[in-house]
Amino acid sequence: MTLRIIPEVERPRYGEEFWAELAELDGLLRQLAYATRLLISAPSLRRSLRENPWHDEGDQG
C-alpha cells in the first residue's frame, strides 16, 4: 500500500529498503508497527520526493 502512494519511479528503491528493514524486525507486532509508520509517513515522503527528486529523470543509464 505504501509503495502505491510514492512516485512510481521511486518504488523499486524504496520497496527494497522497506522490505529489508521489515525483514530485520523480530515479531509480528514490531513488523506491524513499522508498516503502520510507513503508511502514515507515505504522503510526506511522496511530497518530499516530488519536490526534491534524488535523480535526474533525463538520466536513464
N, C-alpha and C. Protein backbone atom coordinates (compact mmCIF):
# COMPACT_ATOMS: atom_id res chain seq x y z
N MET A 1 0.82 -1.19 0.00
CA MET A 1 0.00 0.00 0.00
C MET A 1 0.87 1.26 0.00
N THR A 2 1.86 1.28 0.84
CA THR A 2 2.73 2.45 0.94
C THR A 2 3.41 2.74 -0.38
N LEU A 3 3.86 1.72 -1.07
CA LEU A 3 4.56 1.94 -2.33
C LEU A 3 3.66 2.54 -3.40
N ARG A 4 2.39 2.30 -3.33
CA ARG A 4 1.47 2.89 -4.31
C ARG A 4 1.31 4.39 -4.13
N ILE A 5 1.65 4.87 -2.96
CA ILE A 5 1.49 6.29 -2.65
C ILE A 5 2.67 7.12 -3.17
N ILE A 6 3.86 6.53 -3.17
CA ILE A 6 5.03 7.30 -3.60
C ILE A 6 5.15 7.26 -5.13
N PRO A 7 5.91 8.19 -5.71
CA PRO A 7 6.05 8.22 -7.18
C PRO A 7 6.56 6.88 -7.73
N GLU A 8 6.00 6.49 -8.85
CA GLU A 8 6.30 5.19 -9.45
C GLU A 8 7.79 4.96 -9.69
N VAL A 9 8.48 6.00 -10.11
CA VAL A 9 9.91 5.86 -10.41
C VAL A 9 10.73 5.53 -9.15
N GLU A 10 10.23 5.86 -7.99
CA GLU A 10 10.94 5.62 -6.73
C GLU A 10 10.57 4.29 -6.08
N ARG A 11 9.54 3.63 -6.56
CA ARG A 11 9.02 2.43 -5.90
C ARG A 11 10.02 1.29 -5.79
N PRO A 12 10.79 0.96 -6.83
CA PRO A 12 11.74 -0.16 -6.68
C PRO A 12 12.75 0.08 -5.55
N ARG A 13 13.31 1.26 -5.52
CA ARG A 13 14.31 1.57 -4.49
C ARG A 13 13.72 1.50 -3.09
N TYR A 14 12.61 2.19 -2.89
CA TYR A 14 12.01 2.22 -1.57
C TYR A 14 11.41 0.87 -1.20
N GLY A 15 10.90 0.14 -2.17
CA GLY A 15 10.39 -1.19 -1.90
C GLY A 15 11.46 -2.10 -1.33
N GLU A 16 12.64 -2.06 -1.92
CA GLU A 16 13.76 -2.87 -1.42
C GLU A 16 14.12 -2.45 0.00
N GLU A 17 14.20 -1.17 0.24
CA GLU A 17 14.55 -0.68 1.57
C GLU A 17 13.50 -1.07 2.61
N PHE A 18 12.23 -0.88 2.27
CA PHE A 18 11.15 -1.20 3.22
C PHE A 18 11.16 -2.69 3.56
N TRP A 19 11.29 -3.55 2.54
CA TRP A 19 11.28 -4.99 2.80
C TRP A 19 12.49 -5.43 3.60
N ALA A 20 13.64 -4.86 3.32
CA ALA A 20 14.85 -5.22 4.07
C ALA A 20 14.72 -4.83 5.54
N GLU A 21 14.21 -3.63 5.79
CA GLU A 21 14.04 -3.19 7.17
C GLU A 21 12.98 -4.03 7.87
N LEU A 22 11.91 -4.35 7.19
CA LEU A 22 10.85 -5.17 7.77
C LEU A 22 11.38 -6.56 8.13
N ALA A 23 12.19 -7.14 7.26
CA ALA A 23 12.73 -8.48 7.50
C ALA A 23 13.66 -8.53 8.71
N GLU A 24 14.27 -7.41 9.04
CA GLU A 24 15.19 -7.37 10.18
C GLU A 24 14.48 -7.29 11.53
N LEU A 25 13.20 -6.98 11.52
CA LEU A 25 12.46 -6.82 12.76
C LEU A 25 11.97 -8.17 13.29
N ASP A 26 12.10 -8.36 14.60
CA ASP A 26 11.63 -9.58 15.24
C ASP A 26 10.19 -9.40 15.71
N GLY A 27 9.36 -10.33 15.36
CA GLY A 27 8.00 -10.35 15.86
C GLY A 27 7.00 -9.62 14.99
N LEU A 28 5.82 -10.17 14.95
CA LEU A 28 4.76 -9.62 14.13
C LEU A 28 4.35 -8.22 14.59
N LEU A 29 4.29 -7.98 15.88
CA LEU A 29 3.88 -6.66 16.36
C LEU A 29 4.85 -5.57 15.94
N ARG A 30 6.13 -5.84 15.99
CA ARG A 30 7.12 -4.86 15.53
C ARG A 30 7.00 -4.62 14.03
N GLN A 31 6.76 -5.67 13.28
CA GLN A 31 6.59 -5.53 11.85
C GLN A 31 5.33 -4.73 11.52
N LEU A 32 4.25 -4.99 12.23
CA LEU A 32 3.02 -4.23 12.02
C LEU A 32 3.19 -2.77 12.40
N ALA A 33 3.91 -2.50 13.47
CA ALA A 33 4.16 -1.12 13.89
C ALA A 33 4.98 -0.40 12.83
N TYR A 34 6.00 -1.07 12.29
CA TYR A 34 6.82 -0.47 11.25
C TYR A 34 6.00 -0.18 10.00
N ALA A 35 5.20 -1.17 9.58
CA ALA A 35 4.37 -0.99 8.39
C ALA A 35 3.37 0.15 8.59
N THR A 36 2.85 0.28 9.79
CA THR A 36 1.91 1.37 10.09
C THR A 36 2.61 2.72 10.00
N ARG A 37 3.81 2.81 10.53
CA ARG A 37 4.58 4.07 10.43
C ARG A 37 4.88 4.42 8.98
N LEU A 38 5.21 3.42 8.18
CA LEU A 38 5.46 3.68 6.76
C LEU A 38 4.21 4.24 6.09
N LEU A 39 3.09 3.64 6.37
CA LEU A 39 1.85 4.08 5.75
C LEU A 39 1.48 5.50 6.18
N ILE A 40 1.66 5.80 7.45
CA ILE A 40 1.35 7.13 7.95
C ILE A 40 2.28 8.19 7.35
N SER A 41 3.54 7.84 7.16
CA SER A 41 4.51 8.81 6.66
C SER A 41 4.59 8.87 5.13
N ALA A 42 3.88 7.98 4.44
CA ALA A 42 3.96 7.92 2.97
C ALA A 42 3.58 9.22 2.27
N PRO A 43 2.51 9.91 2.68
CA PRO A 43 2.19 11.17 2.00
C PRO A 43 3.31 12.21 2.12
N SER A 44 3.93 12.27 3.28
CA SER A 44 5.05 13.20 3.46
C SER A 44 6.23 12.80 2.58
N LEU A 45 6.52 11.51 2.51
CA LEU A 45 7.60 11.03 1.66
C LEU A 45 7.31 11.35 0.20
N ARG A 46 6.08 11.12 -0.23
CA ARG A 46 5.70 11.42 -1.61
C ARG A 46 5.92 12.90 -1.93
N ARG A 47 5.49 13.75 -1.03
CA ARG A 47 5.65 15.19 -1.22
C ARG A 47 7.13 15.56 -1.31
N SER A 48 7.92 15.00 -0.43
CA SER A 48 9.36 15.28 -0.44
C SER A 48 10.03 14.80 -1.72
N LEU A 49 9.67 13.62 -2.19
CA LEU A 49 10.26 13.07 -3.41
C LEU A 49 9.87 13.89 -4.64
N ARG A 50 8.67 14.39 -4.65
CA ARG A 50 8.24 15.21 -5.78
C ARG A 50 8.93 16.56 -5.78
N GLU A 51 9.19 17.11 -4.61
CA GLU A 51 9.83 18.43 -4.51
C GLU A 51 11.33 18.34 -4.70
N ASN A 52 11.94 17.26 -4.28
CA ASN A 52 13.39 17.10 -4.32
C ASN A 52 13.77 15.73 -4.85
N PRO A 53 13.62 15.50 -6.15
CA PRO A 53 13.97 14.17 -6.68
C PRO A 53 15.45 13.87 -6.49
N TRP A 54 15.74 12.61 -6.22
CA TRP A 54 17.13 12.17 -5.96
C TRP A 54 17.94 12.01 -7.24
N HIS A 55 17.26 11.92 -8.33
CA HIS A 55 17.98 11.70 -9.60
C HIS A 55 17.37 12.57 -10.68
N ASP A 56 18.12 12.72 -11.74
CA ASP A 56 17.67 13.48 -12.89
C ASP A 56 16.86 12.54 -13.77
N GLU A 57 15.60 12.87 -14.04
CA GLU A 57 14.75 11.99 -14.84
C GLU A 57 15.30 11.77 -16.24
N GLY A 58 16.13 12.68 -16.74
CA GLY A 58 16.72 12.51 -18.05
C GLY A 58 17.87 11.52 -18.07
N ASP A 59 18.36 11.14 -16.90
CA ASP A 59 19.48 10.21 -16.80
C ASP A 59 18.95 8.79 -16.72
N GLN A 60 18.94 8.09 -17.80
CA GLN A 60 18.41 6.74 -17.86
C GLN A 60 19.50 5.68 -17.80
N GLY A 61 20.72 6.03 -17.74
CA GLY A 61 21.72 4.99 -17.80
C GLY A 61 22.76 5.16 -16.84
